[in-house]
Amino acid sequence: MRRLTRYLAKMFAVDALILFAVVCGLLWMVNCLRSFDVVSVKGQGVLTLAYQGVLTMPPLALVFFHVCVGIGMARAMTALKTNHELHIIHTTDGLRSLFGATATVAAIGVFCVLMLSNFLDPWSTRGLNQLTASVAADLVSSTLKPQRFTQVTPGVVLLIGGRAGQGEITEFFADDRRDPAVRRTYIAKSARVSSDGTNYVLELRDGTLQYSEKDGRFSEISFGRYDLNVDRLSQPLATPDPLAERDSLQLVSDALASGDWPEPVVDKLLKRLNEALSVIGVCVLVLALSGFPSGRRGGRIALPMEVTVLLLAFAERGISSYSPLGPATGALLMMGVAAIIIFVRARPRRIQYAVMA
């Protein structure tokens, strides 16, 4: 690698890394503040709150990673223009180094985002579900106070009558209103929280399960014993996505072993791989917009390049989300536009000389 290429790649990577670290720190603090009910209501410690904040970071980091890479490159390009280094790079045939530095940063970004989307994101989703279930189980078994309504998660309220020996609970009541179509109410004379090492189960004895539908219909089921996974009460959604908890290596291994590639599995794998295209698209687009200095001087109020990159990155997300052509539409569109701009701005131009009579 040429010395100029290393210099430029280091500038791009350092600016992007600093911005990404700042964004992650701010998002972590915001997540901790949003989840403060873990400490104030559910009786957990500050370490549990901090760990929960960490587990919520990978999905958010995926959204902002390519934005941070693009803004980091844009800031570095702006600094090069201000110091007139970018002009020197072009006049001394350093365009190849500029392209090489962009390719290096894009390759590093692709590796990082693929690790984040294919492994860290499923790990954090699985860990967050387990932590949420553990907190709910602890809330039911030890923290929940008798004769006091407590909200486990938005839409789920618990009430116990008292406690007996060996973790037994008397007069258990749970009201689940998360589903707007059906309201579920669990009533039992006694209950106990148990675990098989992986999942937490709420053993309800001598009770009823009531369903109240939106149209007014009501049904009731009596039981002698009913085992209810704590996940059903602790998750914000009643049916979490099981594929989101499994990394791509596990999904591919299971598909190869069974010889069957279900459509949800293929869609999940493609969605995770498409994150790499977003990084490539924003890198080449920043290069196309900022990597070629113009001879224009002041006189116009130009939109800062960082703001331009931010708007383009979110536009790419919007196009990818709603495009019927697939989730890679926005990234491919960015790469296509960048290729056209680079072709127009990087092509050699003929110099015309005026002949004086």
Protein backbone atom coordinates (compact mmCIF):
# COMPACT_ATOMS: atom_id res chain seq x y z
CA MET A 1 0.00 0.00 0.00
CA ARG A 2 1.33 3.42 -0.93
CA ARG A 3 2.16 5.89 1.82
CA LEU A 4 -0.45 8.34 0.57
CA THR A 5 -3.10 5.62 0.54
CA ARG A 6 -2.30 4.72 4.15
CA TYR A 7 -2.42 8.38 5.15
CA LEU A 8 -5.83 8.95 3.58
CA ALA A 9 -7.29 5.67 4.84
CA LYS A 10 -6.14 6.50 8.38
CA MET A 11 -7.80 9.92 8.18
CA PHE A 12 -11.09 8.44 6.96
CA ALA A 13 -11.10 5.61 9.50
CA VAL A 14 -10.15 7.73 12.53
CA ASP A 15 -12.85 10.34 11.89
CA ALA A 16 -15.47 7.64 11.32
CA LEU A 17 -14.40 5.71 14.43
CA ILE A 18 -14.51 8.77 16.69
CA LEU A 19 -17.97 9.72 15.47
CA PHE A 20 -19.24 6.15 15.83
CA ALA A 21 -17.90 5.93 19.40
CA VAL A 22 -19.61 9.22 20.34
CA VAL A 23 -22.92 8.12 18.81
CA CYS A 24 -22.77 4.75 20.57
CA GLY A 25 -22.07 6.42 23.89
CA LEU A 26 -25.01 8.78 23.53
CA LEU A 27 -27.36 6.00 22.43
CA TRP A 28 -26.26 3.82 25.35
CA MET A 29 -27.06 6.58 27.85
CA VAL A 30 -30.44 7.21 26.21
CA ASN A 31 -31.27 3.49 26.36
CA CYS A 32 -30.30 3.35 30.02
CA LEU A 33 -32.59 6.29 30.80
CA ARG A 34 -35.46 4.70 28.84
CA SER A 35 -35.01 1.40 30.72
CA PHE A 36 -34.65 2.95 34.17
CA ASP A 37 -37.79 1.14 35.31
CA VAL A 38 -35.55 -1.96 35.61
CA VAL A 39 -34.07 -0.28 38.68
CA SER A 40 -36.93 1.86 39.96
CA VAL A 41 -39.81 -0.59 39.53
CA LYS A 42 -38.39 -4.07 38.98
CA GLY A 43 -35.84 -3.97 41.77
CA GLN A 44 -32.71 -4.72 39.73
CA GLY A 45 -29.23 -3.27 40.14
CA VAL A 46 -27.41 -0.60 38.16
CA LEU A 47 -25.20 -3.26 36.53
CA THR A 48 -28.29 -4.97 35.13
CA LEU A 49 -29.43 -1.63 33.74
CA ALA A 50 -26.03 -1.03 32.12
CA TYR A 51 -25.94 -4.55 30.67
CA GLN A 52 -29.42 -4.15 29.23
CA GLY A 53 -28.30 -0.89 27.63
CA VAL A 54 -25.36 -2.71 26.02
CA LEU A 55 -27.61 -5.45 24.64
CA THR A 56 -29.87 -2.90 22.96
CA MET A 57 -26.94 -1.27 21.13
CA PRO A 58 -26.22 -3.59 18.11
CA PRO A 59 -29.57 -3.01 16.32
CA LEU A 60 -29.16 0.75 16.71
CA ALA A 61 -25.50 0.60 15.71
CA LEU A 62 -26.52 -1.10 12.46
CA VAL A 63 -28.74 1.86 11.61
CA PHE A 64 -26.04 4.48 12.22
CA PHE A 65 -22.87 2.62 11.24
CA HIS A 66 -22.85 3.52 7.54
CA VAL A 67 -23.93 7.07 8.44
CA CYS A 68 -20.91 7.46 10.73
CA VAL A 69 -18.58 6.06 8.05
CA GLY A 70 -19.96 8.48 5.48
CA ILE A 71 -19.80 11.53 7.76
CA GLY A 72 -16.29 10.56 8.89
CA MET A 73 -15.13 10.45 5.28
CA ALA A 74 -16.90 13.72 4.52
CA ARG A 75 -15.19 15.46 7.45
CA ALA A 76 -11.81 14.16 6.33
CA MET A 77 -12.47 15.31 2.75
CA THR A 78 -13.45 18.76 4.01
CA ALA A 79 -10.22 18.99 5.99
CA LEU A 80 -8.23 17.99 2.91
CA LYS A 81 -9.96 20.69 0.88
CA THR A 82 -9.37 23.34 3.55
CA ASN A 83 -5.66 22.54 3.68
CA HIS A 84 -5.51 22.33 -0.14
CA GLU A 85 -4.17 18.80 0.18
CA LEU A 86 -6.96 17.47 -2.01
CA HIS A 87 -5.91 19.82 -4.80
CA ILE A 88 -2.32 18.62 -4.50
CA ILE A 89 -3.49 14.98 -4.64
CA HIS A 90 -5.24 15.60 -7.94
CA THR A 91 -2.44 17.64 -9.50
CA THR A 92 0.22 15.06 -8.54
CA ASP A 93 -1.64 12.05 -9.96
CA GLY A 94 -2.76 10.84 -6.53
CA LEU A 95 -6.28 9.93 -7.57
CA ARG A 96 -5.41 6.23 -7.43
CA SER A 97 -4.44 6.61 -3.77
CA LEU A 98 -7.72 8.39 -3.07
CA PHE A 99 -9.65 5.52 -4.63
CA GLY A 100 -7.49 3.00 -2.77
CA ALA A 101 -8.09 4.68 0.59
CA THR A 102 -11.83 4.72 -0.05
CA ALA A 103 -11.77 1.04 -0.99
CA THR A 104 -9.77 0.22 2.16
CA VAL A 105 -12.19 2.03 4.46
CA ALA A 106 -15.16 0.47 2.66
CA ALA A 107 -13.64 -3.02 3.05
CA ILE A 108 -13.04 -2.50 6.78
CA GLY A 109 -16.55 -1.11 7.17
CA VAL A 110 -18.05 -4.08 5.31
CA PHE A 111 -16.24 -6.52 7.59
CA CYS A 112 -17.37 -4.67 10.72
CA VAL A 113 -20.99 -4.34 9.64
CA LEU A 114 -21.20 -8.01 8.58
CA MET A 115 -19.89 -9.09 11.98
CA LEU A 116 -22.38 -6.76 13.60
CA SER A 117 -25.41 -7.86 11.59
CA ASN A 118 -24.68 -11.59 11.34
CA PHE A 119 -23.32 -12.33 14.81
CA LEU A 120 -23.47 -9.47 17.35
CA ASP A 121 -27.06 -8.48 16.58
CA PRO A 122 -28.47 -12.04 17.03
CA TRP A 123 -26.36 -12.49 20.16
CA SER A 124 -27.67 -9.25 21.66
CA THR A 125 -31.27 -10.12 20.75
CA ARG A 126 -30.96 -13.54 22.38
CA GLY A 127 -29.25 -12.08 25.44
CA LEU A 128 -31.83 -9.30 25.78
CA ASN A 129 -34.71 -11.78 25.66
CA GLN A 130 -33.03 -13.96 28.29
CA LEU A 131 -32.27 -10.97 30.50
CA THR A 132 -35.84 -9.68 30.20
CA ALA A 133 -37.21 -13.10 31.12
CA SER A 134 -34.77 -13.36 34.03
CA VAL A 135 -35.81 -9.93 35.33
CA ALA A 136 -39.48 -10.86 35.03
CA ALA A 137 -38.90 -14.19 36.78
CA ASP A 138 -37.04 -12.45 39.60
CA LEU A 139 -39.81 -9.87 39.82
CA VAL A 140 -42.44 -12.59 40.20
CA SER A 141 -40.49 -14.88 42.51
CA SER A 142 -38.88 -12.43 44.92
CA THR A 143 -39.32 -8.74 44.13
CA LEU A 144 -43.07 -8.55 43.50
CA LYS A 145 -44.81 -7.17 46.58
CA PRO A 146 -48.09 -8.72 47.78
CA GLN A 147 -51.31 -6.77 47.26
CA ARG A 148 -49.62 -4.37 44.85
CA PHE A 149 -50.15 -4.09 41.10
CA THR A 150 -46.83 -4.13 39.20
CA GLN A 151 -46.21 -3.64 35.49
CA VAL A 152 -43.77 -6.22 34.10
CA THR A 153 -43.75 -4.75 30.60
CA PRO A 154 -46.07 -2.21 28.96
CA GLY A 155 -49.49 -3.87 28.79
CA VAL A 156 -48.85 -6.62 31.39
CA VAL A 157 -49.83 -6.13 35.05
CA LEU A 158 -49.23 -8.68 37.86
CA LEU A 159 -50.67 -9.03 41.34
CA ILE A 160 -50.01 -11.64 44.05
CA GLY A 161 -51.82 -12.21 47.30
CA GLY A 162 -48.87 -13.40 49.36
CA ARG A 163 -45.88 -15.70 49.62
CA ALA A 164 -45.41 -19.13 51.16
CA GLY A 165 -42.33 -21.24 51.80
CA GLN A 166 -39.89 -22.39 49.07
CA GLY A 167 -40.85 -19.65 46.62
CA GLU A 168 -44.56 -20.47 46.50
CA ILE A 169 -46.95 -17.66 45.52
CA THR A 170 -50.60 -17.50 46.59
CA GLU A 171 -53.45 -15.84 44.68
CA PHE A 172 -51.71 -15.07 41.41
CA PHE A 173 -53.24 -12.62 38.92
CA ALA A 174 -51.90 -11.42 35.54
CA ASP A 175 -53.61 -9.18 32.99
CA ASP A 176 -52.17 -9.04 29.46
CA ARG A 177 -53.51 -6.23 27.22
CA ARG A 178 -50.69 -6.07 24.65
CA ASP A 179 -52.81 -7.57 21.90
CA PRO A 180 -55.52 -5.03 21.00
CA ALA A 181 -57.75 -7.82 19.65
CA VAL A 182 -57.63 -10.19 22.65
CA ARG A 183 -57.21 -9.50 26.35
CA ARG A 184 -55.83 -12.42 28.39
CA THR A 185 -56.29 -12.76 32.13
CA TYR A 186 -54.56 -15.45 34.22
CA ILE A 187 -55.98 -16.25 37.66
CA ALA A 188 -54.59 -19.01 39.90
CA LYS A 189 -54.79 -19.97 43.57
CA SER A 190 -51.03 -20.66 43.68
CA ALA A 191 -47.98 -20.33 41.45
CA ARG A 192 -44.25 -20.99 41.42
CA VAL A 193 -41.38 -19.89 39.17
CA SER A 194 -39.07 -22.67 37.96
CA SER A 195 -36.28 -22.97 35.42
CA ASP A 196 -34.88 -25.76 33.29
CA GLY A 197 -31.54 -24.00 32.87
CA THR A 198 -32.59 -22.24 29.66
CA ASN A 199 -36.16 -20.98 30.06
CA TYR A 200 -38.17 -19.68 33.00
CA VAL A 201 -41.60 -21.24 33.51
CA LEU A 202 -44.43 -19.97 35.68
CA GLU A 203 -46.34 -22.96 37.10
CA LEU A 204 -49.96 -21.92 37.72
CA ARG A 205 -52.22 -24.25 39.73
CA ASP A 206 -56.01 -24.36 40.19
CA GLY A 207 -57.01 -21.39 38.12
CA THR A 208 -58.66 -20.03 35.01
CA LEU A 209 -57.53 -18.46 31.74
CA GLN A 210 -59.94 -15.82 30.42
CA TYR A 211 -60.08 -14.41 26.88
CA SER A 212 -61.90 -11.12 26.21
CA GLU A 213 -62.10 -10.29 22.51
CA LYS A 214 -62.59 -6.88 20.98
CA ASP A 215 -66.09 -7.67 19.69
CA GLY A 216 -67.28 -8.49 23.23
CA ARG A 217 -66.99 -12.28 23.13
CA PHE A 218 -65.70 -13.91 26.31
CA SER A 219 -64.33 -17.38 27.01
CA GLU A 220 -62.88 -19.03 30.10
CA ILE A 221 -60.74 -22.15 30.51
CA SER A 222 -60.27 -23.84 33.89
CA PHE A 223 -57.08 -25.79 34.63
CA GLY A 224 -55.48 -27.78 37.39
CA ARG A 225 -51.99 -26.81 36.23
CA TYR A 226 -50.88 -24.45 33.51
CA ASP A 227 -47.21 -23.87 32.62
CA LEU A 228 -46.65 -20.38 31.25
CA ASN A 229 -43.29 -19.30 29.85
CA VAL A 230 -42.17 -16.10 31.49
CA ASP A 231 -41.21 -14.90 27.99
CA ARG A 232 -44.93 -14.65 27.22
CA LEU A 233 -45.28 -12.03 29.93
CA SER A 234 -41.91 -10.30 29.71
CA GLN A 235 -41.52 -9.63 25.98
CA PRO A 236 -42.94 -6.42 24.47
CA LEU A 237 -44.37 -8.58 21.70
CA ALA A 238 -46.25 -11.78 22.38
CA THR A 239 -44.47 -13.66 19.57
CA PRO A 240 -40.76 -12.69 19.21
CA ASP A 241 -38.96 -13.57 16.00
CA PRO A 242 -36.99 -16.82 16.61
CA LEU A 243 -34.75 -16.15 13.58
CA ALA A 244 -33.56 -12.87 15.07
CA GLU A 245 -31.93 -14.78 17.95
CA ARG A 246 -29.88 -17.06 15.70
CA ASP A 247 -26.73 -15.98 13.93
CA SER A 248 -26.24 -16.52 10.22
CA LEU A 249 -23.84 -19.44 10.70
CA GLN A 250 -26.50 -21.36 12.61
CA LEU A 251 -29.15 -20.57 10.01
CA VAL A 252 -26.94 -21.71 7.14
CA SER A 253 -25.85 -24.86 8.99
CA ASP A 254 -29.44 -25.87 9.73
CA ALA A 255 -30.50 -25.19 6.13
CA LEU A 256 -27.63 -27.27 4.73
CA ALA A 257 -28.34 -30.11 7.14
CA SER A 258 -32.04 -30.24 6.28
CA GLY A 259 -31.66 -29.42 2.60
CA ASP A 260 -34.52 -26.90 2.94
CA TRP A 261 -34.13 -23.14 2.59
CA PRO A 262 -37.31 -21.52 3.93
CA GLU A 263 -38.17 -18.12 2.55
CA PRO A 264 -37.99 -16.36 5.96
CA VAL A 265 -34.45 -17.69 6.46
CA VAL A 266 -33.33 -16.52 3.01
CA ASP A 267 -34.91 -13.09 3.59
CA LYS A 268 -33.18 -12.77 6.95
CA LEU A 269 -29.77 -13.68 5.47
CA LEU A 270 -30.19 -11.28 2.55
CA LYS A 271 -31.25 -8.47 4.86
CA ARG A 272 -28.13 -8.95 6.95
CA LEU A 273 -25.90 -9.03 3.87
CA ASN A 274 -27.50 -5.88 2.47
CA GLU A 275 -26.00 -3.89 5.34
CA ALA A 276 -22.63 -4.26 3.60
CA LEU A 277 -24.02 -2.68 0.42
CA SER A 278 -25.09 0.39 2.41
CA VAL A 279 -21.50 0.91 3.59
CA ILE A 280 -20.11 0.57 0.07
CA GLY A 281 -22.77 2.87 -1.34
CA VAL A 282 -22.17 5.68 1.14
CA CYS A 283 -18.38 5.45 0.75
CA VAL A 284 -18.38 5.77 -3.04
CA LEU A 285 -21.04 8.49 -2.91
CA VAL A 286 -18.98 10.58 -0.48
CA LEU A 287 -15.97 10.09 -2.73
CA ALA A 288 -17.99 11.25 -5.74
CA LEU A 289 -19.36 14.33 -3.99
CA SER A 290 -16.33 15.42 -1.95
CA GLY A 291 -13.31 13.86 -3.61
CA PHE A 292 -13.11 16.26 -6.53
CA PRO A 293 -12.38 19.92 -5.72
CA SER A 294 -14.00 22.56 -7.88
CA GLY A 295 -12.60 25.87 -8.94
CA ARG A 296 -15.57 27.77 -7.60
CA ARG A 297 -14.98 30.30 -4.88
CA GLY A 298 -17.37 31.62 -2.24
CA GLY A 299 -20.61 33.42 -2.91
CA ARG A 300 -23.12 30.66 -2.25
CA ILE A 301 -24.37 29.19 1.00
CA ALA A 302 -23.64 25.50 0.55
CA LEU A 303 -25.20 22.76 2.65
CA PRO A 304 -22.54 21.17 4.87
CA MET A 305 -21.35 17.86 3.48
CA GLU A 306 -22.04 16.10 6.79
CA VAL A 307 -25.70 17.12 6.60
CA THR A 308 -25.86 16.03 2.96
CA VAL A 309 -24.49 12.60 3.83
CA LEU A 310 -26.96 12.27 6.70
CA LEU A 311 -29.93 13.11 4.45
CA LEU A 312 -28.74 10.78 1.69
CA ALA A 313 -28.19 7.92 4.13
CA PHE A 314 -31.69 8.18 5.56
CA ALA A 315 -33.12 8.54 2.07
CA GLU A 316 -31.37 5.29 1.18
CA ARG A 317 -33.00 3.61 4.18
CA GLY A 318 -36.41 4.91 3.18
CA ILE A 319 -36.04 3.76 -0.43
CA SER A 320 -34.82 0.32 0.65
CA SER A 321 -37.70 -0.09 3.11
CA TYR A 322 -40.51 0.73 0.69
CA SER A 323 -39.08 -0.25 -2.68
CA PRO A 324 -40.77 -3.25 -4.34
CA LEU A 325 -37.43 -4.20 -5.89
CA GLY A 326 -35.93 -5.33 -2.58
CA PRO A 327 -34.01 -4.02 0.44
CA ALA A 328 -30.85 -3.41 -1.60
CA THR A 329 -32.48 -0.84 -3.89
CA GLY A 330 -31.29 2.22 -1.99
CA ALA A 331 -27.67 1.07 -1.75
CA LEU A 332 -27.51 0.08 -5.41
CA LEU A 333 -29.04 3.42 -6.39
CA MET A 334 -26.38 5.25 -4.37
CA MET A 335 -23.62 3.26 -6.06
CA GLY A 336 -25.10 3.93 -9.49
CA VAL A 337 -25.36 7.69 -8.91
CA ALA A 338 -21.83 7.75 -7.47
CA ALA A 339 -20.44 5.88 -10.49
CA ILE A 340 -21.99 8.41 -12.87
CA ILE A 341 -20.63 11.38 -10.89
CA ILE A 342 -17.14 9.87 -10.69
CA PHE A 343 -17.15 9.09 -14.40
CA VAL A 344 -18.12 12.67 -15.27
CA ARG A 345 -15.73 14.37 -12.86
CA ALA A 346 -12.73 12.07 -13.24
CA ARG A 347 -12.62 11.87 -17.04
CA PRO A 348 -9.76 13.76 -18.69
CA ARG A 349 -10.69 17.06 -20.26
CA ARG A 350 -9.26 18.64 -23.31
CA ILE A 351 -7.61 22.00 -22.87
CA GLN A 352 -8.54 24.50 -25.53
CA TYR A 353 -6.08 27.22 -26.38
CA ALA A 354 -7.15 30.53 -27.83
CA VAL A 355 -5.19 31.57 -30.90
CA MET A 356 -4.51 35.30 -31.05
CA ALA A 357 -4.29 36.89 -34.41
